[in-house]
């Protein structure tokens, strides 16, 4: 993919880059007078007719591609842009392969994002978190796990003339149906915001089966992000561990900022519990409704800047 190429009817108008792209390369493109964001997946690669490799290898690669296509198309079918509350989801408009390579398309949007949401006033932060929680509730109501929830995948924006900042949720490339994640060797995500069960799954813990990776994975990440949006930092954890989830898995508790209201501290602590099966309702799907409407708990922040 390079500037000037026409791929699937989309003409590439910028130089491709892999900045924040993970296993992808992306560029802006245009088609029929409209601007788009065009993403090229580096893997998997569809085997070409007459290409090299054994018949068995080809079958394995074709099955990998079939599963990849099925997962992406299923998520696209479920995430309907006309659904109530979908206005803050940046959804795919096209998904296809050209030759051996897969591409995904979304409409081009302003990618400028407020870098320090914690600098907003209490009411602004409450609205911001409520819009993010509402977006997640929409996903979880149709049994979709975002799979890579983190600040980089949330654009914090204020439309011209609008009174409040809102959160636009992007990048559903790593989404999957609740309890049906990709294989351990294929699943993606960010270890800093990954949930304890996700960390154990990718680390090969056989006691954590795929059915354990549910919408609660996103709830753990949302708990961490709530703390970041309110205080500017993750909850504190022992530096011996590489991530909050690793600390939680080792029974080393996270430390929530004591400047937050007691109810908010309790909510974040519950959302970042070790296991959604614990007696912690906030790590179950019910937190989606609670957080989405707990404006008081998120805004009664005593002295956080």
C-alpha atoms as a PDB file:
ATOM      1  CA  UNK A   1       0.000   0.000   0.000  1.00  0.00           C
ATOM      2  CA  UNK A   2       1.390   3.394  -1.011  1.00  0.00           C
ATOM      3  CA  UNK A   3       0.112   6.859  -1.795  1.00  0.00           C
ATOM      4  CA  UNK A   4      -1.807   6.857  -5.066  1.00  0.00           C
ATOM      5  CA  UNK A   5      -2.765   3.166  -4.949  1.00  0.00           C
ATOM      6  CA  UNK A   6      -6.410   2.268  -5.506  1.00  0.00           C
ATOM      7  CA  UNK A   7      -7.424  -0.628  -3.253  1.00  0.00           C
ATOM      8  CA  UNK A   8     -10.964  -1.929  -3.259  1.00  0.00           C
ATOM      9  CA  UNK A   9     -12.059   1.319  -4.885  1.00  0.00           C
ATOM     10  CA  UNK A  10     -10.347   3.502  -2.258  1.00  0.00           C
ATOM     11  CA  UNK A  11      -7.546   5.811  -3.448  1.00  0.00           C
ATOM     12  CA  UNK A  12      -4.768   6.213  -0.883  1.00  0.00           C
ATOM     13  CA  UNK A  13      -4.070   9.935  -0.383  1.00  0.00           C
ATOM     14  CA  UNK A  14      -1.435   9.909   2.375  1.00  0.00           C
ATOM     15  CA  UNK A  15       1.740   7.972   3.027  1.00  0.00           C
ATOM     16  CA  UNK A  16       0.956   4.815   5.027  1.00  0.00           C
ATOM     17  CA  UNK A  17       2.219   4.572   8.593  1.00  0.00           C
ATOM     18  CA  UNK A  18       2.096   2.037  11.397  1.00  0.00           C
ATOM     19  CA  UNK A  19       2.022   4.699  14.136  1.00  0.00           C
ATOM     20  CA  UNK A  20      -0.197   3.274  16.915  1.00  0.00           C
ATOM     21  CA  UNK A  21      -1.213   0.642  14.408  1.00  0.00           C
ATOM     22  CA  UNK A  22      -0.040  -2.534  16.110  1.00  0.00           C
ATOM     23  CA  UNK A  23      -0.143  -5.265  13.477  1.00  0.00           C
ATOM     24  CA  UNK A  24      -1.563  -2.848  10.919  1.00  0.00           C
ATOM     25  CA  UNK A  25      -0.521  -0.123   8.507  1.00  0.00           C
ATOM     26  CA  UNK A  26      -2.949   2.707   7.859  1.00  0.00           C
ATOM     27  CA  UNK A  27      -3.476   5.720   5.649  1.00  0.00           C
ATOM     28  CA  UNK A  28      -6.227   8.118   4.663  1.00  0.00           C
ATOM     29  CA  UNK A  29      -8.087   7.403   1.458  1.00  0.00           C
ATOM     30  CA  UNK A  30     -10.965   8.729  -0.569  1.00  0.00           C
ATOM     31  CA  UNK A  31     -13.808   7.233  -2.569  1.00  0.00           C
ATOM     32  CA  UNK A  32     -16.730   8.906  -4.324  1.00  0.00           C
ATOM     33  CA  UNK A  33     -15.731  12.275  -2.892  1.00  0.00           C
ATOM     34  CA  UNK A  34     -15.647  11.099   0.746  1.00  0.00           C
ATOM     35  CA  UNK A  35     -12.648  10.656   3.031  1.00  0.00           C
ATOM     36  CA  UNK A  36     -11.864   7.425   4.839  1.00  0.00           C
ATOM     37  CA  UNK A  37      -9.419   5.793   7.206  1.00  0.00           C
ATOM     38  CA  UNK A  38      -7.993   2.696   5.482  1.00  0.00           C
ATOM     39  CA  UNK A  39      -6.268   0.032   7.570  1.00  0.00           C
ATOM     40  CA  UNK A  40      -4.193  -2.792   6.125  1.00  0.00           C
ATOM     41  CA  UNK A  41      -3.734  -5.868   8.295  1.00  0.00           C
ATOM     42  CA  UNK A  42      -0.241  -7.335   8.224  1.00  0.00           C
ATOM     43  CA  UNK A  43      -1.618 -10.745   9.134  1.00  0.00           C
ATOM     44  CA  UNK A  44      -3.143 -13.165   8.441  1.00  0.00           C
ATOM     45  CA  UNK A  45      -2.302 -13.557   4.767  1.00  0.00           C
ATOM     46  CA  UNK A  46      -4.622 -15.459   2.456  1.00  0.00           C
ATOM     47  CA  UNK A  47      -2.757 -18.164   0.549  1.00  0.00           C
ATOM     48  CA  UNK A  48      -2.664 -17.412  -3.167  1.00  0.00           C
ATOM     49  CA  UNK A  49      -3.816 -19.899  -5.767  1.00  0.00           C
ATOM     50  CA  UNK A  50      -0.802 -21.824  -6.959  1.00  0.00           C
ATOM     51  CA  UNK A  51       1.323 -20.450  -4.135  1.00  0.00           C
ATOM     52  CA  UNK A  52       4.000 -22.373  -2.303  1.00  0.00           C
ATOM     53  CA  UNK A  53       3.591 -24.600   0.711  1.00  0.00           C
ATOM     54  CA  UNK A  54       2.001 -27.963   1.282  1.00  0.00           C
ATOM     55  CA  UNK A  55      -1.697 -28.709   0.995  1.00  0.00           C
ATOM     56  CA  UNK A  56      -1.867 -29.144   4.777  1.00  0.00           C
ATOM     57  CA  UNK A  57      -0.216 -25.754   5.342  1.00  0.00           C
ATOM     58  CA  UNK A  58      -2.635 -24.148   2.928  1.00  0.00           C
ATOM     59  CA  UNK A  59      -5.627 -25.665   4.737  1.00  0.00           C
ATOM     60  CA  UNK A  60      -4.370 -24.347   8.077  1.00  0.00           C
ATOM     61  CA  UNK A  61      -3.858 -20.845   6.672  1.00  0.00           C
ATOM     62  CA  UNK A  62      -7.261 -20.869   5.008  1.00  0.00           C
ATOM     63  CA  UNK A  63      -8.895 -21.890   8.292  1.00  0.00           C
ATOM     64  CA  UNK A  64      -7.056 -19.091  10.112  1.00  0.00           C
ATOM     65  CA  UNK A  65      -8.320 -16.626   7.504  1.00  0.00           C
ATOM     66  CA  UNK A  66     -11.853 -18.008   7.720  1.00  0.00           C
ATOM     67  CA  UNK A  67     -11.909 -17.479  11.491  1.00  0.00           C
ATOM     68  CA  UNK A  68     -10.420 -13.980  11.089  1.00  0.00           C
ATOM     69  CA  UNK A  69     -13.035 -13.008   8.497  1.00  0.00           C
ATOM     70  CA  UNK A  70     -15.889 -14.516  10.480  1.00  0.00           C
ATOM     71  CA  UNK A  71     -14.925 -12.667  13.659  1.00  0.00           C
ATOM     72  CA  UNK A  72     -14.626  -9.298  11.934  1.00  0.00           C
ATOM     73  CA  UNK A  73     -17.800  -9.661   9.891  1.00  0.00           C
ATOM     74  CA  UNK A  74     -19.789 -10.826  12.914  1.00  0.00           C
ATOM     75  CA  UNK A  75     -18.684  -7.795  14.941  1.00  0.00           C
ATOM     76  CA  UNK A  76     -19.543  -5.467  12.042  1.00  0.00           C
ATOM     77  CA  UNK A  77     -23.008  -7.032  11.733  1.00  0.00           C
ATOM     78  CA  UNK A  78     -23.670  -6.630  15.444  1.00  0.00           C
ATOM     79  CA  UNK A  79     -22.377  -3.050  15.761  1.00  0.00           C
ATOM     80  CA  UNK A  80     -25.059  -1.212  13.836  1.00  0.00           C
ATOM     81  CA  UNK A  81     -24.503   2.537  13.346  1.00  0.00           C
ATOM     82  CA  UNK A  82     -28.243   3.188  13.657  1.00  0.00           C
ATOM     83  CA  UNK A  83     -28.453   1.617  17.115  1.00  0.00           C
ATOM     84  CA  UNK A  84     -29.462   3.929  19.948  1.00  0.00           C
ATOM     85  CA  UNK A  85     -26.317   5.367  21.543  1.00  0.00           C
ATOM     86  CA  UNK A  86     -24.004   4.332  18.697  1.00  0.00           C
ATOM     87  CA  UNK A  87     -23.105   7.913  17.859  1.00  0.00           C
ATOM     88  CA  UNK A  88     -19.918   7.715  19.918  1.00  0.00           C
ATOM     89  CA  UNK A  89     -18.705   4.486  18.300  1.00  0.00           C
ATOM     90  CA  UNK A  90     -16.391   4.833  15.297  1.00  0.00           C
ATOM     91  CA  UNK A  91     -17.514   1.802  13.308  1.00  0.00           C
ATOM     92  CA  UNK A  92     -16.200   0.035  10.233  1.00  0.00           C
ATOM     93  CA  UNK A  93     -17.939   0.796   6.955  1.00  0.00           C
ATOM     94  CA  UNK A  94     -16.163  -1.847   4.873  1.00  0.00           C
ATOM     95  CA  UNK A  95     -14.052  -4.971   5.312  1.00  0.00           C
ATOM     96  CA  UNK A  96     -12.517  -6.844   2.396  1.00  0.00           C
ATOM     97  CA  UNK A  97      -9.412  -8.526   1.057  1.00  0.00           C
ATOM     98  CA  UNK A  98      -7.409  -7.575  -1.992  1.00  0.00           C
ATOM     99  CA  UNK A  99      -5.116 -10.352  -3.098  1.00  0.00           C
ATOM    100  CA  UNK A 100      -3.741 -11.945   0.049  1.00  0.00           C
ATOM    101  CA  UNK A 101      -4.246  -8.912   2.292  1.00  0.00           C
ATOM    102  CA  UNK A 102      -7.187  -7.813   4.460  1.00  0.00           C
ATOM    103  CA  UNK A 103      -8.372  -4.206   4.783  1.00  0.00           C
ATOM    104  CA  UNK A 104     -10.845  -2.397   7.017  1.00  0.00           C
ATOM    105  CA  UNK A 105     -12.379   1.019   6.397  1.00  0.00           C
ATOM    106  CA  UNK A 106     -13.948   3.642   8.664  1.00  0.00           C
ATOM    107  CA  UNK A 107     -15.015   7.167   7.895  1.00  0.00           C
ATOM    108  CA  UNK A 108     -12.279   9.709   8.489  1.00  0.00           C
ATOM    109  CA  UNK A 109     -12.765  11.586  11.735  1.00  0.00           C
ATOM    110  CA  UNK A 110     -10.843  14.220  13.618  1.00  0.00           C
ATOM    111  CA  UNK A 111      -8.329  12.222  15.662  1.00  0.00           C
ATOM    112  CA  UNK A 112      -7.405  15.136  17.945  1.00  0.00           C
ATOM    113  CA  UNK A 113      -7.952  14.053  21.542  1.00  0.00           C
ATOM    114  CA  UNK A 114      -7.676  15.860  24.858  1.00  0.00           C
ATOM    115  CA  UNK A 115      -4.461  14.566  26.420  1.00  0.00           C
ATOM    116  CA  UNK A 116      -5.319  15.307  30.053  1.00  0.00           C
ATOM    117  CA  UNK A 117      -8.980  14.520  30.736  1.00  0.00           C
ATOM    118  CA  UNK A 118      -8.311  14.760  34.470  1.00  0.00           C
ATOM    119  CA  UNK A 119      -7.792  18.519  33.986  1.00  0.00           C
ATOM    120  CA  UNK A 120     -11.503  18.948  33.232  1.00  0.00           C
ATOM    121  CA  UNK A 121     -13.942  20.027  35.899  1.00  0.00           C
ATOM    122  CA  UNK A 122     -15.919  17.446  37.895  1.00  0.00           C
ATOM    123  CA  UNK A 123     -19.100  17.781  35.818  1.00  0.00           C
ATOM    124  CA  UNK A 124     -17.120  17.521  32.571  1.00  0.00           C
ATOM    125  CA  UNK A 125     -15.385  14.358  33.771  1.00  0.00           C
ATOM    126  CA  UNK A 126     -18.697  12.853  34.851  1.00  0.00           C
ATOM    127  CA  UNK A 127     -20.209  13.396  31.394  1.00  0.00           C
ATOM    128  CA  UNK A 128     -17.054  12.056  29.738  1.00  0.00           C
ATOM    129  CA  UNK A 129     -17.076   8.848  31.741  1.00  0.00           C
ATOM    130  CA  UNK A 130     -20.807   8.425  31.318  1.00  0.00           C
ATOM    131  CA  UNK A 131     -20.518   8.600  27.507  1.00  0.00           C
ATOM    132  CA  UNK A 132     -17.721   6.035  27.601  1.00  0.00           C
ATOM    133  CA  UNK A 133     -19.714   3.744  29.875  1.00  0.00           C
ATOM    134  CA  UNK A 134     -22.772   4.115  27.634  1.00  0.00           C
ATOM    135  CA  UNK A 135     -20.724   3.044  24.614  1.00  0.00           C
ATOM    136  CA  UNK A 136     -19.457  -0.009  26.474  1.00  0.00           C
ATOM    137  CA  UNK A 137     -22.970  -0.833  27.631  1.00  0.00           C
ATOM    138  CA  UNK A 138     -24.079  -0.832  23.994  1.00  0.00           C
ATOM    139  CA  UNK A 139     -21.305  -3.313  23.146  1.00  0.00           C
ATOM    140  CA  UNK A 140     -21.928  -5.526  26.140  1.00  0.00           C
ATOM    141  CA  UNK A 141     -25.685  -5.642  25.580  1.00  0.00           C
ATOM    142  CA  UNK A 142     -24.958  -7.438  22.302  1.00  0.00           C
ATOM    143  CA  UNK A 143     -22.275  -9.612  23.950  1.00  0.00           C
ATOM    144  CA  UNK A 144     -19.316  -7.872  22.271  1.00  0.00           C
ATOM    145  CA  UNK A 145     -16.027  -7.387  24.130  1.00  0.00           C
ATOM    146  CA  UNK A 146     -13.994  -4.414  22.903  1.00  0.00           C
ATOM    147  CA  UNK A 147     -10.833  -6.322  23.769  1.00  0.00           C
ATOM    148  CA  UNK A 148      -8.368  -3.424  23.760  1.00  0.00           C
ATOM    149  CA  UNK A 149      -9.913  -0.715  25.902  1.00  0.00           C
ATOM    150  CA  UNK A 150      -7.303   1.915  26.794  1.00  0.00           C
ATOM    151  CA  UNK A 151      -6.918   5.712  26.538  1.00  0.00           C
ATOM    152  CA  UNK A 152      -5.352   5.483  23.068  1.00  0.00           C
ATOM    153  CA  UNK A 153      -8.584   3.910  21.785  1.00  0.00           C
ATOM    154  CA  UNK A 154     -10.823   6.628  23.188  1.00  0.00           C
ATOM    155  CA  UNK A 155     -10.904  10.055  21.538  1.00  0.00           C
ATOM    156  CA  UNK A 156     -11.846  12.763  24.038  1.00  0.00           C
ATOM    157  CA  UNK A 157     -13.412  15.545  22.008  1.00  0.00           C
ATOM    158  CA  UNK A 158     -15.636  18.571  22.281  1.00  0.00           C
ATOM    159  CA  UNK A 159     -17.722  19.389  19.239  1.00  0.00           C
ATOM    160  CA  UNK A 160     -17.953  23.012  18.198  1.00  0.00           C
ATOM    161  CA  UNK A 161     -20.654  24.695  20.227  1.00  0.00           C
ATOM    162  CA  UNK A 162     -21.019  21.747  22.618  1.00  0.00           C
ATOM    163  CA  UNK A 163     -20.870  22.299  26.358  1.00  0.00           C
ATOM    164  CA  UNK A 164     -19.153  19.022  27.254  1.00  0.00           C
ATOM    165  CA  UNK A 165     -16.383  16.737  26.096  1.00  0.00           C
ATOM    166  CA  UNK A 166     -17.443  13.254  25.063  1.00  0.00           C
ATOM    167  CA  UNK A 167     -15.635   9.965  24.524  1.00  0.00           C
ATOM    168  CA  UNK A 168     -15.590   8.380  21.065  1.00  0.00           C
ATOM    169  CA  UNK A 169     -14.653   4.709  21.187  1.00  0.00           C
ATOM    170  CA  UNK A 170     -12.464   3.509  18.303  1.00  0.00           C
ATOM    171  CA  UNK A 171     -10.582   0.442  17.041  1.00  0.00           C
ATOM    172  CA  UNK A 172     -12.711  -2.693  17.230  1.00  0.00           C
ATOM    173  CA  UNK A 173     -10.108  -4.817  15.422  1.00  0.00           C
ATOM    174  CA  UNK A 174      -9.517  -6.918  18.526  1.00  0.00           C
ATOM    175  CA  UNK A 175     -13.172  -7.273  19.509  1.00  0.00           C
ATOM    176  CA  UNK A 176     -14.771 -10.684  19.974  1.00  0.00           C
ATOM    177  CA  UNK A 177     -17.941 -12.250  21.295  1.00  0.00           C
ATOM    178  CA  UNK A 178     -18.093 -12.677  25.044  1.00  0.00           C
ATOM    179  CA  UNK A 179     -16.550 -16.013  25.999  1.00  0.00           C
ATOM    180  CA  UNK A 180     -15.286 -16.609  22.457  1.00  0.00           C
ATOM    181  CA  UNK A 181     -11.899 -14.872  22.199  1.00  0.00           C
ATOM    182  CA  UNK A 182      -9.225 -15.686  19.625  1.00  0.00           C
ATOM    183  CA  UNK A 183      -6.721 -18.390  20.532  1.00  0.00           C
ATOM    184  CA  UNK A 184      -4.091 -17.601  23.150  1.00  0.00           C
ATOM    185  CA  UNK A 185      -1.417 -17.119  20.507  1.00  0.00           C
ATOM    186  CA  UNK A 186      -3.634 -14.818  18.424  1.00  0.00           C
ATOM    187  CA  UNK A 187      -5.479 -12.653  20.929  1.00  0.00           C
ATOM    188  CA  UNK A 188      -4.394  -9.024  21.119  1.00  0.00           C
ATOM    189  CA  UNK A 189      -4.658  -6.332  23.765  1.00  0.00           C
ATOM    190  CA  UNK A 190      -2.558  -4.071  25.966  1.00  0.00           C
ATOM    191  CA  UNK A 191      -0.947  -5.693  28.998  1.00  0.00           C
ATOM    192  CA  UNK A 192      -1.124  -2.420  30.961  1.00  0.00           C
ATOM    193  CA  UNK A 193      -4.933  -2.368  30.783  1.00  0.00           C
ATOM    194  CA  UNK A 194      -5.553  -6.096  30.413  1.00  0.00           C
ATOM    195  CA  UNK A 195      -7.698  -7.856  32.991  1.00  0.00           C
ATOM    196  CA  UNK A 196      -6.249 -10.505  35.336  1.00  0.00           C
ATOM    197  CA  UNK A 197      -7.995 -13.378  33.530  1.00  0.00           C
ATOM    198  CA  UNK A 198      -6.808 -12.040  30.151  1.00  0.00           C
ATOM    199  CA  UNK A 199      -3.217 -11.900  31.397  1.00  0.00           C
ATOM    200  CA  UNK A 200      -3.401 -15.481  32.645  1.00  0.00           C
ATOM    201  CA  UNK A 201      -4.987 -16.625  29.372  1.00  0.00           C
ATOM    202  CA  UNK A 202      -2.236 -15.127  27.201  1.00  0.00           C
ATOM    203  CA  UNK A 203       0.439 -16.410  29.591  1.00  0.00           C
ATOM    204  CA  UNK A 204      -0.769 -19.965  29.003  1.00  0.00           C
ATOM    205  CA  UNK A 205      -2.551 -20.632  32.304  1.00  0.00           C
ATOM    206  CA  UNK A 206      -4.629 -23.682  31.366  1.00  0.00           C
ATOM    207  CA  UNK A 207      -7.008 -23.081  34.259  1.00  0.00           C
ATOM    208  CA  UNK A 208      -8.294 -20.023  32.359  1.00  0.00           C
ATOM    209  CA  UNK A 209     -10.319 -21.222  29.401  1.00  0.00           C
ATOM    210  CA  UNK A 210     -11.650 -19.038  26.620  1.00  0.00           C
ATOM    211  CA  UNK A 211     -15.082 -18.930  28.263  1.00  0.00           C
ATOM    212  CA  UNK A 212     -13.565 -16.860  31.079  1.00  0.00           C
ATOM    213  CA  UNK A 213     -12.863 -13.925  28.785  1.00  0.00           C
ATOM    214  CA  UNK A 214     -16.179 -12.115  28.892  1.00  0.00           C
ATOM    215  CA  UNK A 215     -17.350  -8.508  28.869  1.00  0.00           C
ATOM    216  CA  UNK A 216     -15.878  -8.299  32.379  1.00  0.00           C
ATOM    217  CA  UNK A 217     -12.461  -7.919  30.685  1.00  0.00           C
ATOM    218  CA  UNK A 218     -13.564  -4.461  29.531  1.00  0.00           C
ATOM    219  CA  UNK A 219     -14.911  -3.598  32.966  1.00  0.00           C
ATOM    220  CA  UNK A 220     -11.463  -4.067  34.516  1.00  0.00           C
ATOM    221  CA  UNK A 221      -9.955  -1.742  31.894  1.00  0.00           C
ATOM    222  CA  UNK A 222     -12.759   0.764  32.444  1.00  0.00           C
ATOM    223  CA  UNK A 223     -11.992   0.772  36.170  1.00  0.00           C
ATOM    224  CA  UNK A 224      -8.376   1.658  35.422  1.00  0.00           C
ATOM    225  CA  UNK A 225      -9.407   4.305  32.910  1.00  0.00           C
ATOM    226  CA  UNK A 226     -11.850   5.831  35.376  1.00  0.00           C
ATOM    227  CA  UNK A 227      -8.961   6.321  37.778  1.00  0.00           C
ATOM    228  CA  UNK A 228      -6.812   7.810  34.979  1.00  0.00           C
ATOM    229  CA  UNK A 229      -9.552  10.201  33.869  1.00  0.00           C
ATOM    230  CA  UNK A 230     -10.159  11.367  37.432  1.00  0.00           C
ATOM    231  CA  UNK A 231      -6.581  11.592  38.707  1.00  0.00           C
ATOM    232  CA  UNK A 232      -4.223  11.507  35.709  1.00  0.00           C
ATOM    233  CA  UNK A 233      -2.632   8.193  36.714  1.00  0.00           C
ATOM    234  CA  UNK A 234      -3.333   4.507  37.125  1.00  0.00           C
ATOM    235  CA  UNK A 235      -3.999   3.153  40.615  1.00  0.00           C
ATOM    236  CA  UNK A 236      -0.666   2.590  42.341  1.00  0.00           C
ATOM    237  CA  UNK A 237       0.729  -0.960  42.419  1.00  0.00           C
ATOM    238  CA  UNK A 238       3.935  -2.698  43.452  1.00  0.00           C
ATOM    239  CA  UNK A 239       6.723  -1.922  40.975  1.00  0.00           C
ATOM    240  CA  UNK A 240       7.764  -5.586  40.984  1.00  0.00           C
ATOM    241  CA  UNK A 241       4.829  -6.258  38.669  1.00  0.00           C
ATOM    242  CA  UNK A 242       4.599  -5.293  35.039  1.00  0.00           C
ATOM    243  CA  UNK A 243       0.940  -4.328  35.068  1.00  0.00           C
ATOM    244  CA  UNK A 244      -1.990  -3.765  37.421  1.00  0.00           C
ATOM    245  CA  UNK A 245      -3.420  -7.161  36.439  1.00  0.00           C
ATOM    246  CA  UNK A 246      -0.170  -8.928  37.281  1.00  0.00           C
ATOM    247  CA  UNK A 247      -0.251  -7.308  40.717  1.00  0.00           C
ATOM    248  CA  UNK A 248      -3.877  -8.311  41.254  1.00  0.00           C
ATOM    249  CA  UNK A 249      -3.120 -11.885  40.170  1.00  0.00           C
ATOM    250  CA  UNK A 250      -0.372 -11.977  42.790  1.00  0.00           C
ATOM    251  CA  UNK A 251      -2.841 -10.783  45.452  1.00  0.00           C
ATOM    252  CA  UNK A 252      -0.986  -7.459  45.681  1.00  0.00           C
ATOM    253  CA  UNK A 253      -3.772  -4.872  45.949  1.00  0.00           C
ATOM    254  CA  UNK A 254      -4.035  -1.770  43.804  1.00  0.00           C
ATOM    255  CA  UNK A 255      -4.036   1.508  45.723  1.00  0.00           C
ATOM    256  CA  UNK A 256      -6.769   3.920  44.701  1.00  0.00           C
ATOM    257  CA  UNK A 257      -6.083   7.635  45.134  1.00  0.00           C
ATOM    258  CA  UNK A 258      -7.485   8.674  48.521  1.00  0.00           C
ATOM    259  CA  UNK A 259      -8.434  12.100  47.181  1.00  0.00           C
ATOM    260  CA  UNK A 260     -11.372  10.462  45.429  1.00  0.00           C
ATOM    261  CA  UNK A 261     -14.751  10.223  47.111  1.00  0.00           C
ATOM    262  CA  UNK A 262     -15.209   7.084  49.177  1.00  0.00           C
ATOM    263  CA  UNK A 263     -17.956   5.793  46.863  1.00  0.00           C
ATOM    264  CA  UNK A 264     -15.720   6.293  43.818  1.00  0.00           C
ATOM    265  CA  UNK A 265     -12.817   4.504  45.509  1.00  0.00           C
ATOM    266  CA  UNK A 266     -15.103   1.567  46.284  1.00  0.00           C
ATOM    267  CA  UNK A 267     -16.404   1.466  42.719  1.00  0.00           C
ATOM    268  CA  UNK A 268     -12.922   1.431  41.172  1.00  0.00           C
ATOM    269  CA  UNK A 269     -11.743  -1.191  43.657  1.00  0.00           C
ATOM    270  CA  UNK A 270     -14.684  -3.430  42.769  1.00  0.00           C
ATOM    271  CA  UNK A 271     -14.183  -2.933  39.017  1.00  0.00           C
ATOM    272  CA  UNK A 272     -10.532  -3.980  39.319  1.00  0.00           C
ATOM    273  CA  UNK A 273     -11.105  -7.055  41.471  1.00  0.00           C
ATOM    274  CA  UNK A 274      -9.145 -10.213  40.748  1.00  0.00           C
ATOM    275  CA  UNK A 275     -11.959 -12.241  39.264  1.00  0.00           C
ATOM    276  CA  UNK A 276     -15.417 -11.356  37.962  1.00  0.00           C
ATOM    277  CA  UNK A 277     -16.690 -14.478  39.685  1.00  0.00           C
ATOM    278  CA  UNK A 278     -15.789 -12.939  43.046  1.00  0.00           C
ATOM    279  CA  UNK A 279     -18.561 -11.431  45.122  1.00  0.00           C
ATOM    280  CA  UNK A 280     -17.965  -8.137  43.361  1.00  0.00           C
ATOM    281  CA  UNK A 281     -20.977  -7.046  41.314  1.00  0.00           C
ATOM    282  CA  UNK A 282     -18.979  -4.250  39.684  1.00  0.00           C
ATOM    283  CA  UNK A 283     -16.917  -6.780  37.729  1.00  0.00           C
ATOM    284  CA  UNK A 284     -20.057  -8.317  36.311  1.00  0.00           C
ATOM    285  CA  UNK A 285     -22.047  -6.840  33.459  1.00  0.00           C
ATOM    286  CA  UNK A 286     -24.200  -4.966  35.967  1.00  0.00           C
ATOM    287  CA  UNK A 287     -21.533  -2.301  36.398  1.00  0.00           C
ATOM    288  CA  UNK A 288     -22.353  -1.020  32.954  1.00  0.00           C
ATOM    289  CA  UNK A 289     -25.667   0.293  34.178  1.00  0.00           C
ATOM    290  CA  UNK A 290     -24.352   1.439  37.540  1.00  0.00           C
ATOM    291  CA  UNK A 291     -21.436   3.390  36.134  1.00  0.00           C
ATOM    292  CA  UNK A 292     -23.488   4.782  33.288  1.00  0.00           C
ATOM    293  CA  UNK A 293     -25.839   6.436  35.773  1.00  0.00           C
ATOM    294  CA  UNK A 294     -23.598   7.075  38.779  1.00  0.00           C
ATOM    295  CA  UNK A 295     -22.889  10.651  37.947  1.00  0.00           C
ATOM    296  CA  UNK A 296     -22.693  11.484  41.658  1.00  0.00           C
ATOM    297  CA  UNK A 297     -20.016   8.870  42.374  1.00  0.00           C
ATOM    298  CA  UNK A 298     -17.798  10.122  39.572  1.00  0.00           C
ATOM    299  CA  UNK A 299     -18.211  13.813  40.231  1.00  0.00           C
ATOM    300  CA  UNK A 300     -17.878  13.892  44.012  1.00  0.00           C
ATOM    301  CA  UNK A 301     -14.131  14.105  43.669  1.00  0.00           C
ATOM    302  CA  UNK A 302     -12.806  16.058  46.636  1.00  0.00           C
ATOM    303  CA  UNK A 303      -9.572  17.609  45.453  1.00  0.00           C
ATOM    304  CA  UNK A 304      -8.307  15.848  42.366  1.00  0.00           C
ATOM    305  CA  UNK A 305      -6.908  18.452  39.972  1.00  0.00           C
END
